[in-house]
């Protein structure tokens, strides 16, 4: 329930998503060649992730949202 959006403006949400995506791509490019397994940061619910685990998590999270959109499209 805490993750459910409330009073969300679709245009602002899309812009925020695109900004976040652009930042993730920038971090991946600037991290190329660095030891991303040696750095970590906490996820608020899932614990500490290394840099590599964060990249994998963000990718799988985005893929799940894309699947949800396709599922909703089929339901319509």
PDB file of N, CA and C in Angstrom:
ATOM      1  N   UNK A   1       0.812  -1.196   0.000  1.00  0.00           N
ATOM      2  CA  UNK A   1       0.000   0.000   0.000  1.00  0.00           C
ATOM      3  C   UNK A   1       0.858   1.264   0.000  1.00  0.00           C
ATOM      4  N   UNK A   2       1.984   1.224   0.694  1.00  0.00           N
ATOM      5  CA  UNK A   2       2.859   2.403   0.755  1.00  0.00           C
ATOM      6  C   UNK A   2       3.429   2.738  -0.616  1.00  0.00           C
ATOM      7  N   UNK A   3       3.528   1.757  -1.492  1.00  0.00           N
ATOM      8  CA  UNK A   3       4.104   1.988  -2.815  1.00  0.00           C
ATOM      9  C   UNK A   3       3.067   2.411  -3.848  1.00  0.00           C
ATOM     10  N   UNK A   4       1.801   2.431  -3.474  1.00  0.00           N
ATOM     11  CA  UNK A   4       0.758   2.822  -4.421  1.00  0.00           C
ATOM     12  C   UNK A   4       0.769   4.333  -4.600  1.00  0.00           C
ATOM     13  N   UNK A   5       0.807   4.790  -5.858  1.00  0.00           N
ATOM     14  CA  UNK A   5       0.808   6.240  -6.085  1.00  0.00           C
ATOM     15  C   UNK A   5      -0.524   6.868  -5.697  1.00  0.00           C
ATOM     16  N   UNK A   6      -0.454   8.053  -5.185  1.00  0.00           N
ATOM     17  CA  UNK A   6      -1.651   8.792  -4.799  1.00  0.00           C
ATOM     18  C   UNK A   6      -1.548  10.212  -5.369  1.00  0.00           C
ATOM     19  N   UNK A   7      -2.654  10.715  -5.869  1.00  0.00           N
ATOM     20  CA  UNK A   7      -2.697  12.083  -6.400  1.00  0.00           C
ATOM     21  C   UNK A   7      -1.525  12.352  -7.346  1.00  0.00           C
ATOM     22  N   UNK A   8      -1.334  11.458  -8.294  1.00  0.00           N
ATOM     23  CA  UNK A   8      -0.195  11.535  -9.200  1.00  0.00           C
ATOM     24  C   UNK A   8      -0.608  12.179 -10.515  1.00  0.00           C
ATOM     25  N   UNK A   9       0.186  13.126 -10.941  1.00  0.00           N
ATOM     26  CA  UNK A   9       0.006  13.755 -12.243  1.00  0.00           C
ATOM     27  C   UNK A   9       0.777  12.907 -13.257  1.00  0.00           C
ATOM     28  N   UNK A  10       0.093  12.353 -14.247  1.00  0.00           N
ATOM     29  CA  UNK A  10       0.710  11.424 -15.192  1.00  0.00           C
ATOM     30  C   UNK A  10       1.867  12.058 -15.962  1.00  0.00           C
ATOM     31  N   UNK A  11       1.726  13.301 -16.360  1.00  0.00           N
ATOM     32  CA  UNK A  11       2.790  13.967 -17.117  1.00  0.00           C
ATOM     33  C   UNK A  11       4.023  14.149 -16.229  1.00  0.00           C
ATOM     34  N   UNK A  12       3.808  14.600 -15.001  1.00  0.00           N
ATOM     35  CA  UNK A  12       4.935  14.782 -14.089  1.00  0.00           C
ATOM     36  C   UNK A  12       5.592  13.444 -13.781  1.00  0.00           C
ATOM     37  N   UNK A  13       4.781  12.402 -13.567  1.00  0.00           N
ATOM     38  CA  UNK A  13       5.327  11.071 -13.280  1.00  0.00           C
ATOM     39  C   UNK A  13       6.174  10.568 -14.449  1.00  0.00           C
ATOM     40  N   UNK A  14       5.699  10.780 -15.670  1.00  0.00           N
ATOM     41  CA  UNK A  14       6.460  10.345 -16.853  1.00  0.00           C
ATOM     42  C   UNK A  14       7.783  11.116 -16.944  1.00  0.00           C
ATOM     43  N   UNK A  15       7.721  12.430 -16.739  1.00  0.00           N
ATOM     44  CA  UNK A  15       8.935  13.243 -16.782  1.00  0.00           C
ATOM     45  C   UNK A  15       9.931  12.798 -15.709  1.00  0.00           C
ATOM     46  N   UNK A  16       9.424  12.524 -14.504  1.00  0.00           N
ATOM     47  CA  UNK A  16      10.291  12.044 -13.417  1.00  0.00           C
ATOM     48  C   UNK A  16      10.920  10.705 -13.777  1.00  0.00           C
ATOM     49  N   UNK A  17      10.145   9.818 -14.392  1.00  0.00           N
ATOM     50  CA  UNK A  17      10.660   8.512 -14.804  1.00  0.00           C
ATOM     51  C   UNK A  17      11.763   8.671 -15.842  1.00  0.00           C
ATOM     52  N   UNK A  18      11.542   9.523 -16.829  1.00  0.00           N
ATOM     53  CA  UNK A  18      12.548   9.731 -17.873  1.00  0.00           C
ATOM     54  C   UNK A  18      13.821  10.359 -17.289  1.00  0.00           C
ATOM     55  N   UNK A  19      13.662  11.285 -16.348  1.00  0.00           N
ATOM     56  CA  UNK A  19      14.828  11.882 -15.688  1.00  0.00           C
ATOM     57  C   UNK A  19      15.606  10.823 -14.909  1.00  0.00           C
ATOM     58  N   UNK A  20      14.889   9.976 -14.180  1.00  0.00           N
ATOM     59  CA  UNK A  20      15.544   8.920 -13.402  1.00  0.00           C
ATOM     60  C   UNK A  20      16.240   7.930 -14.314  1.00  0.00           C
ATOM     61  N   UNK A  21      15.596   7.577 -15.417  1.00  0.00           N
ATOM     62  CA  UNK A  21      16.202   6.639 -16.366  1.00  0.00           C
ATOM     63  C   UNK A  21      17.488   7.215 -16.937  1.00  0.00           C
ATOM     64  N   UNK A  22      17.440   8.480 -17.298  1.00  0.00           N
ATOM     65  CA  UNK A  22      18.618   9.152 -17.850  1.00  0.00           C
ATOM     66  C   UNK A  22      19.757   9.151 -16.822  1.00  0.00           C
ATOM     67  N   UNK A  23      19.436   9.345 -15.571  1.00  0.00           N
ATOM     68  CA  UNK A  23      20.455   9.338 -14.520  1.00  0.00           C
ATOM     69  C   UNK A  23      21.036   7.939 -14.328  1.00  0.00           C
ATOM     70  N   UNK A  24      20.205   6.907 -14.380  1.00  0.00           N
ATOM     71  CA  UNK A  24      20.702   5.532 -14.260  1.00  0.00           C
ATOM     72  C   UNK A  24      21.652   5.216 -15.413  1.00  0.00           C
ATOM     73  N   UNK A  25      21.287   5.586 -16.617  1.00  0.00           N
ATOM     74  CA  UNK A  25      22.158   5.351 -17.777  1.00  0.00           C
ATOM     75  C   UNK A  25      23.476   6.099 -17.596  1.00  0.00           C
ATOM     76  N   UNK A  26      23.414   7.330 -17.107  1.00  0.00           N
ATOM     77  CA  UNK A  26      24.633   8.114 -16.876  1.00  0.00           C
ATOM     78  C   UNK A  26      25.528   7.416 -15.850  1.00  0.00           C
ATOM     79  N   UNK A  27      24.937   6.933 -14.758  1.00  0.00           N
ATOM     80  CA  UNK A  27      25.711   6.255 -13.717  1.00  0.00           C
ATOM     81  C   UNK A  27      26.346   4.981 -14.265  1.00  0.00           C
ATOM     82  N   UNK A  28      25.610   4.235 -15.073  1.00  0.00           N
ATOM     83  CA  UNK A  28      26.168   3.006 -15.660  1.00  0.00           C
ATOM     84  C   UNK A  28      27.364   3.342 -16.542  1.00  0.00           C
ATOM     85  N   UNK A  29      27.234   4.371 -17.368  1.00  0.00           N
ATOM     86  CA  UNK A  29      28.336   4.743 -18.256  1.00  0.00           C
ATOM     87  C   UNK A  29      29.547   5.254 -17.475  1.00  0.00           C
ATOM     88  N   UNK A  30      29.316   6.078 -16.469  1.00  0.00           N
ATOM     89  CA  UNK A  30      30.448   6.620 -15.709  1.00  0.00           C
ATOM     90  C   UNK A  30      31.060   5.574 -14.787  1.00  0.00           C
ATOM     91  N   UNK A  31      30.302   4.517 -14.465  1.00  0.00           N
ATOM     92  CA  UNK A  31      30.827   3.451 -13.615  1.00  0.00           C
ATOM     93  C   UNK A  31      31.558   2.368 -14.375  1.00  0.00           C
ATOM     94  N   UNK A  32      31.565   2.462 -15.686  1.00  0.00           N
ATOM     95  CA  UNK A  32      32.246   1.451 -16.495  1.00  0.00           C
ATOM     96  C   UNK A  32      33.716   1.370 -16.103  1.00  0.00           C
ATOM     97  N   UNK A  33      34.158   0.173 -15.761  1.00  0.00           N
ATOM     98  CA  UNK A  33      35.546  -0.032 -15.374  1.00  0.00           C
ATOM     99  C   UNK A  33      35.796   0.110 -13.883  1.00  0.00           C
ATOM    100  N   UNK A  34      34.814   0.599 -13.128  1.00  0.00           N
ATOM    101  CA  UNK A  34      34.971   0.730 -11.686  1.00  0.00           C
ATOM    102  C   UNK A  34      34.514  -0.555 -10.993  1.00  0.00           C
ATOM    103  N   UNK A  35      34.954  -0.752  -9.781  1.00  0.00           N
ATOM    104  CA  UNK A  35      34.610  -1.956  -9.009  1.00  0.00           C
ATOM    105  C   UNK A  35      33.252  -1.757  -8.334  1.00  0.00           C
ATOM    106  N   UNK A  36      32.191  -1.872  -9.111  1.00  0.00           N
ATOM    107  CA  UNK A  36      30.850  -1.621  -8.582  1.00  0.00           C
ATOM    108  C   UNK A  36      30.397  -2.674  -7.577  1.00  0.00           C
ATOM    109  N   UNK A  37      31.084  -3.799  -7.543  1.00  0.00           N
ATOM    110  CA  UNK A  37      30.794  -4.803  -6.527  1.00  0.00           C
ATOM    111  C   UNK A  37      31.342  -4.421  -5.161  1.00  0.00           C
ATOM    112  N   UNK A  38      32.232  -3.435  -5.130  1.00  0.00           N
ATOM    113  CA  UNK A  38      32.864  -3.014  -3.885  1.00  0.00           C
ATOM    114  C   UNK A  38      32.131  -1.854  -3.214  1.00  0.00           C
ATOM    115  N   UNK A  39      31.137  -1.294  -3.886  1.00  0.00           N
ATOM    116  CA  UNK A  39      30.351  -0.200  -3.296  1.00  0.00           C
ATOM    117  C   UNK A  39      28.932  -0.689  -3.089  1.00  0.00           C
ATOM    118  N   UNK A  40      28.255  -0.120  -2.111  1.00  0.00           N
ATOM    119  CA  UNK A  40      26.891  -0.558  -1.835  1.00  0.00           C
ATOM    120  C   UNK A  40      26.067   0.604  -1.295  1.00  0.00           C
ATOM    121  N   UNK A  41      24.758   0.402  -1.354  1.00  0.00           N
ATOM    122  CA  UNK A  41      23.808   1.375  -0.811  1.00  0.00           C
ATOM    123  C   UNK A  41      22.559   0.603  -0.402  1.00  0.00           C
ATOM    124  N   UNK A  42      21.889   1.056   0.643  1.00  0.00           N
ATOM    125  CA  UNK A  42      20.723   0.317   1.116  1.00  0.00           C
ATOM    126  C   UNK A  42      19.468   0.588   0.291  1.00  0.00           C
ATOM    127  N   UNK A  43      18.678  -0.453   0.106  1.00  0.00           N
ATOM    128  CA  UNK A  43      17.321  -0.331  -0.419  1.00  0.00           C
ATOM    129  C   UNK A  43      16.426  -0.241   0.815  1.00  0.00           C
ATOM    130  N   UNK A  44      15.403   0.608   0.799  1.00  0.00           N
ATOM    131  CA  UNK A  44      14.591   0.792   2.011  1.00  0.00           C
ATOM    132  C   UNK A  44      13.880  -0.473   2.501  1.00  0.00           C
ATOM    133  N   UNK A  45      13.611  -1.417   1.619  1.00  0.00           N
ATOM    134  CA  UNK A  45      12.884  -2.620   2.046  1.00  0.00           C
ATOM    135  C   UNK A  45      13.678  -3.910   1.851  1.00  0.00           C
ATOM    136  N   UNK A  46      14.636  -3.919   0.946  1.00  0.00           N
ATOM    137  CA  UNK A  46      15.283  -5.174   0.562  1.00  0.00           C
ATOM    138  C   UNK A  46      16.713  -5.333   1.067  1.00  0.00           C
ATOM    139  N   UNK A  47      17.217  -4.363   1.791  1.00  0.00           N
ATOM    140  CA  UNK A  47      18.564  -4.470   2.321  1.00  0.00           C
ATOM    141  C   UNK A  47      19.599  -3.800   1.441  1.00  0.00           C
ATOM    142  N   UNK A  48      20.852  -4.132   1.689  1.00  0.00           N
ATOM    143  CA  UNK A  48      21.975  -3.484   1.004  1.00  0.00           C
ATOM    144  C   UNK A  48      22.243  -4.169  -0.332  1.00  0.00           C
ATOM    145  N   UNK A  49      22.414  -3.363  -1.381  1.00  0.00           N
ATOM    146  CA  UNK A  49      22.754  -3.849  -2.718  1.00  0.00           C
ATOM    147  C   UNK A  49      24.120  -3.287  -3.106  1.00  0.00           C
ATOM    148  N   UNK A  50      24.899  -4.089  -3.834  1.00  0.00           N
ATOM    149  CA  UNK A  50      26.117  -3.555  -4.451  1.00  0.00           C
ATOM    150  C   UNK A  50      25.708  -2.733  -5.674  1.00  0.00           C
ATOM    151  N   UNK A  51      26.676  -2.051  -6.255  1.00  0.00           N
ATOM    152  CA  UNK A  51      26.394  -1.292  -7.475  1.00  0.00           C
ATOM    153  C   UNK A  51      25.832  -2.171  -8.575  1.00  0.00           C
ATOM    154  N   UNK A  52      26.427  -3.358  -8.747  1.00  0.00           N
ATOM    155  CA  UNK A  52      25.932  -4.281  -9.775  1.00  0.00           C
ATOM    156  C   UNK A  52      24.515  -4.749  -9.464  1.00  0.00           C
ATOM    157  N   UNK A  53      24.246  -5.029  -8.197  1.00  0.00           N
ATOM    158  CA  UNK A  53      22.905  -5.478  -7.806  1.00  0.00           C
ATOM    159  C   UNK A  53      21.875  -4.377  -8.013  1.00  0.00           C
ATOM    160  N   UNK A  54      22.266  -3.120  -7.769  1.00  0.00           N
ATOM    161  CA  UNK A  54      21.347  -2.012  -8.025  1.00  0.00           C
ATOM    162  C   UNK A  54      21.000  -1.917  -9.507  1.00  0.00           C
ATOM    163  N   UNK A  55      22.000  -2.072 -10.365  1.00  0.00           N
ATOM    164  CA  UNK A  55      21.744  -2.011 -11.811  1.00  0.00           C
ATOM    165  C   UNK A  55      20.784  -3.123 -12.216  1.00  0.00           C
ATOM    166  N   UNK A  56      21.020  -4.337 -11.721  1.00  0.00           N
ATOM    167  CA  UNK A  56      20.128  -5.462 -12.031  1.00  0.00           C
ATOM    168  C   UNK A  56      18.736  -5.221 -11.475  1.00  0.00           C
ATOM    169  N   UNK A  57      18.643  -4.694 -10.264  1.00  0.00           N
ATOM    170  CA  UNK A  57      17.342  -4.430  -9.648  1.00  0.00           C
ATOM    171  C   UNK A  57      16.547  -3.407 -10.448  1.00  0.00           C
ATOM    172  N   UNK A  58      17.200  -2.306 -10.815  1.00  0.00           N
ATOM    173  CA  UNK A  58      16.512  -1.252 -11.576  1.00  0.00           C
ATOM    174  C   UNK A  58      16.003  -1.815 -12.899  1.00  0.00           C
ATOM    175  N   UNK A  59      16.836  -2.619 -13.576  1.00  0.00           N
ATOM    176  CA  UNK A  59      16.415  -3.218 -14.843  1.00  0.00           C
ATOM    177  C   UNK A  59      15.234  -4.156 -14.675  1.00  0.00           C
ATOM    178  N   UNK A  60      15.281  -5.018 -13.657  1.00  0.00           N
ATOM    179  CA  UNK A  60      14.172  -5.959 -13.467  1.00  0.00           C
ATOM    180  C   UNK A  60      12.913  -5.245 -13.000  1.00  0.00           C
ATOM    181  N   UNK A  61      13.078  -4.197 -12.211  1.00  0.00           N
ATOM    182  CA  UNK A  61      11.928  -3.418 -11.746  1.00  0.00           C
ATOM    183  C   UNK A  61      11.236  -2.731 -12.930  1.00  0.00           C
ATOM    184  N   UNK A  62      12.028  -2.141 -13.816  1.00  0.00           N
ATOM    185  CA  UNK A  62      11.464  -1.494 -15.007  1.00  0.00           C
ATOM    186  C   UNK A  62      10.801  -2.512 -15.915  1.00  0.00           C
ATOM    187  N   UNK A  63      11.402  -3.691 -16.047  1.00  0.00           N
ATOM    188  CA  UNK A  63      10.809  -4.743 -16.882  1.00  0.00           C
ATOM    189  C   UNK A  63       9.464  -5.187 -16.314  1.00  0.00           C
ATOM    190  N   UNK A  64       9.371  -5.283 -14.993  1.00  0.00           N
ATOM    191  CA  UNK A  64       8.093  -5.676 -14.375  1.00  0.00           C
ATOM    192  C   UNK A  64       7.011  -4.638 -14.656  1.00  0.00           C
ATOM    193  N   UNK A  65       7.362  -3.356 -14.561  1.00  0.00           N
ATOM    194  CA  UNK A  65       6.377  -2.317 -14.875  1.00  0.00           C
ATOM    195  C   UNK A  65       5.953  -2.403 -16.344  1.00  0.00           C
ATOM    196  N   UNK A  66       6.890  -2.669 -17.229  1.00  0.00           N
ATOM    197  CA  UNK A  66       6.547  -2.816 -18.647  1.00  0.00           C
ATOM    198  C   UNK A  66       5.591  -3.993 -18.839  1.00  0.00           C
ATOM    199  N   UNK A  67       5.833  -5.104 -18.132  1.00  0.00           N
ATOM    200  CA  UNK A  67       4.921  -6.254 -18.190  1.00  0.00           C
ATOM    201  C   UNK A  67       3.533  -5.868 -17.691  1.00  0.00           C
ATOM    202  N   UNK A  68       3.481  -5.092 -16.612  1.00  0.00           N
ATOM    203  CA  UNK A  68       2.187  -4.669 -16.076  1.00  0.00           C
ATOM    204  C   UNK A  68       1.427  -3.813 -17.086  1.00  0.00           C
ATOM    205  N   UNK A  69       2.120  -2.942 -17.772  1.00  0.00           N
ATOM    206  CA  UNK A  69       1.480  -2.112 -18.790  1.00  0.00           C
ATOM    207  C   UNK A  69       0.933  -2.971 -19.921  1.00  0.00           C
ATOM    208  N   UNK A  70       1.717  -3.955 -20.347  1.00  0.00           N
ATOM    209  CA  UNK A  70       1.243  -4.867 -21.411  1.00  0.00           C
ATOM    210  C   UNK A  70       0.035  -5.654 -20.919  1.00  0.00           C
ATOM    211  N   UNK A  71       0.049  -6.119 -19.682  1.00  0.00           N
ATOM    212  CA  UNK A  71      -1.083  -6.866 -19.126  1.00  0.00           C
ATOM    213  C   UNK A  71      -2.347  -6.011 -19.095  1.00  0.00           C
ATOM    214  N   UNK A  72      -2.199  -4.740 -18.701  1.00  0.00           N
ATOM    215  CA  UNK A  72      -3.352  -3.838 -18.669  1.00  0.00           C
ATOM    216  C   UNK A  72      -3.868  -3.585 -20.069  1.00  0.00           C
ATOM    217  N   UNK A  73      -2.964  -3.455 -21.032  1.00  0.00           N
ATOM    218  CA  UNK A  73      -3.351  -3.231 -22.418  1.00  0.00           C
ATOM    219  C   UNK A  73      -4.171  -4.413 -22.939  1.00  0.00           C
ATOM    220  N   UNK A  74      -3.742  -5.639 -22.615  1.00  0.00           N
ATOM    221  CA  UNK A  74      -4.473  -6.824 -23.051  1.00  0.00           C
ATOM    222  C   UNK A  74      -5.851  -6.891 -22.393  1.00  0.00           C
ATOM    223  N   UNK A  75      -5.939  -6.446 -21.154  1.00  0.00           N
ATOM    224  CA  UNK A  75      -7.215  -6.478 -20.438  1.00  0.00           C
ATOM    225  C   UNK A  75      -8.214  -5.486 -21.020  1.00  0.00           C
ATOM    226  N   UNK A  76      -7.709  -4.438 -21.649  1.00  0.00           N
ATOM    227  CA  UNK A  76      -8.613  -3.441 -22.237  1.00  0.00           C
ATOM    228  C   UNK A  76      -9.139  -3.950 -23.547  1.00  0.00           C
TER     229      UNK A  76
END
